[in-house]
Amino acid sequence: MDAVIGALRDQDGIPVDRASCSLAMLHPEVRSTQVIWEAGVGARSIKRTHDAAAAVIYTRSPNFGAS
């Protein structure tokens, strides 16, 4: 992810301070994996469990239920 963001910043001049990508998983314990990149910090990944879908912060999101 560092290389992709670096290319956007250097070649295209797009000011990127942070980016996120979430991938759904077919796994009995993990719902998705999210990769978060922040300038000066780099990339980190977070595994979300199926319980995360019931959290208020998720159900009140404008993206909840979006396909």
C-alpha atoms as a PDB file:
ATOM      1  CA  MET A   1       0.000   0.000   0.000  1.00  0.00           C
ATOM      2  CA  ASP A   2       2.939   2.323   0.646  1.00  0.00           C
ATOM      3  CA  ALA A   3       3.973   2.037  -3.022  1.00  0.00           C
ATOM      4  CA  VAL A   4       0.477   2.835  -4.342  1.00  0.00           C
ATOM      5  CA  ILE A   5       0.031   5.874  -2.121  1.00  0.00           C
ATOM      6  CA  GLY A   6       3.579   7.000  -2.873  1.00  0.00           C
ATOM      7  CA  ALA A   7       2.855   6.877  -6.614  1.00  0.00           C
ATOM      8  CA  LEU A   8      -0.320   8.923  -6.188  1.00  0.00           C
ATOM      9  CA  ARG A   9       1.515  11.520  -4.148  1.00  0.00           C
ATOM     10  CA  ASP A  10       4.710  11.719  -6.207  1.00  0.00           C
ATOM     11  CA  GLN A  11       3.632  11.142  -9.814  1.00  0.00           C
ATOM     12  CA  ASP A  12       0.106  12.517  -9.808  1.00  0.00           C
ATOM     13  CA  GLY A  13       0.511  15.158  -7.099  1.00  0.00           C
ATOM     14  CA  ILE A  14      -2.570  13.990  -5.185  1.00  0.00           C
ATOM     15  CA  PRO A  15      -2.321  15.074  -1.520  1.00  0.00           C
ATOM     16  CA  VAL A  16      -3.024  11.845   0.362  1.00  0.00           C
ATOM     17  CA  ASP A  17      -2.765  11.889   4.157  1.00  0.00           C
ATOM     18  CA  ARG A  18      -4.636   8.653   4.841  1.00  0.00           C
ATOM     19  CA  ALA A  19      -6.331   5.846   2.946  1.00  0.00           C
ATOM     20  CA  SER A  20      -8.305   2.753   3.848  1.00  0.00           C
ATOM     21  CA  CYS A  21      -9.301  -0.446   2.086  1.00  0.00           C
ATOM     22  CA  SER A  22     -11.581  -3.139   3.489  1.00  0.00           C
ATOM     23  CA  LEU A  23     -11.847  -6.673   2.125  1.00  0.00           C
ATOM     24  CA  ALA A  24     -14.700  -9.021   3.002  1.00  0.00           C
ATOM     25  CA  MET A  25     -13.580 -12.482   4.066  1.00  0.00           C
ATOM     26  CA  LEU A  26     -15.230 -15.884   3.864  1.00  0.00           C
ATOM     27  CA  HIS A  27     -14.095 -16.996   7.298  1.00  0.00           C
ATOM     28  CA  PRO A  28     -16.087 -18.291  10.280  1.00  0.00           C
ATOM     29  CA  GLU A  29     -14.440 -15.873  12.745  1.00  0.00           C
ATOM     30  CA  VAL A  30     -13.308 -12.890  10.643  1.00  0.00           C
ATOM     31  CA  ARG A  31     -15.817 -10.709   8.753  1.00  0.00           C
ATOM     32  CA  SER A  32     -13.272  -8.452   7.033  1.00  0.00           C
ATOM     33  CA  THR A  33      -9.728  -7.186   7.032  1.00  0.00           C
ATOM     34  CA  GLN A  34      -9.119  -3.459   6.842  1.00  0.00           C
ATOM     35  CA  VAL A  35      -5.822  -1.912   5.786  1.00  0.00           C
ATOM     36  CA  ILE A  36      -5.306   1.669   6.950  1.00  0.00           C
ATOM     37  CA  TRP A  37      -2.449   3.816   5.667  1.00  0.00           C
ATOM     38  CA  GLU A  38      -1.448   7.133   7.278  1.00  0.00           C
ATOM     39  CA  ALA A  39       1.266   9.536   6.177  1.00  0.00           C
ATOM     40  CA  GLY A  40       4.295   9.285   8.434  1.00  0.00           C
ATOM     41  CA  VAL A  41       2.960   6.114  10.047  1.00  0.00           C
ATOM     42  CA  GLY A  42       2.591   3.613   7.212  1.00  0.00           C
ATOM     43  CA  ALA A  43       0.123   0.770   6.845  1.00  0.00           C
ATOM     44  CA  ARG A  44      -1.543  -1.337   9.507  1.00  0.00           C
ATOM     45  CA  SER A  45      -4.223  -3.990   9.253  1.00  0.00           C
ATOM     46  CA  ILE A  46      -7.227  -4.704  11.449  1.00  0.00           C
ATOM     47  CA  LYS A  47      -9.304  -7.868  11.444  1.00  0.00           C
ATOM     48  CA  ARG A  48     -13.007  -7.269  12.078  1.00  0.00           C
ATOM     49  CA  THR A  49     -15.093 -10.044  13.608  1.00  0.00           C
ATOM     50  CA  HIS A  50     -18.712 -10.801  12.722  1.00  0.00           C
ATOM     51  CA  ASP A  51     -19.771  -9.085  15.982  1.00  0.00           C
ATOM     52  CA  ALA A  52     -18.588  -5.750  14.541  1.00  0.00           C
ATOM     53  CA  ALA A  53     -21.648  -5.626  12.258  1.00  0.00           C
ATOM     54  CA  ALA A  54     -23.908  -5.253  15.311  1.00  0.00           C
ATOM     55  CA  ALA A  55     -21.978  -2.292  16.776  1.00  0.00           C
ATOM     56  CA  VAL A  56     -23.847   1.031  16.898  1.00  0.00           C
ATOM     57  CA  ILE A  57     -21.039   2.846  15.100  1.00  0.00           C
ATOM     58  CA  TYR A  58     -21.508   0.418  12.194  1.00  0.00           C
ATOM     59  CA  THR A  59     -25.312   0.293  12.099  1.00  0.00           C
ATOM     60  CA  ARG A  60     -25.573   4.114  12.192  1.00  0.00           C
ATOM     61  CA  SER A  61     -23.069   4.512   9.369  1.00  0.00           C
ATOM     62  CA  PRO A  62     -24.427   5.888   6.070  1.00  0.00           C
ATOM     63  CA  ASN A  63     -22.802   2.853   4.422  1.00  0.00           C
ATOM     64  CA  PHE A  64     -24.706   0.289   6.499  1.00  0.00           C
ATOM     65  CA  GLY A  65     -26.584  -2.029   4.194  1.00  0.00           C
ATOM     66  CA  ALA A  66     -25.025  -0.498   1.068  1.00  0.00           C
ATOM     67  CA  SER A  67     -24.279  -2.941  -1.688  1.00  0.00           C
END
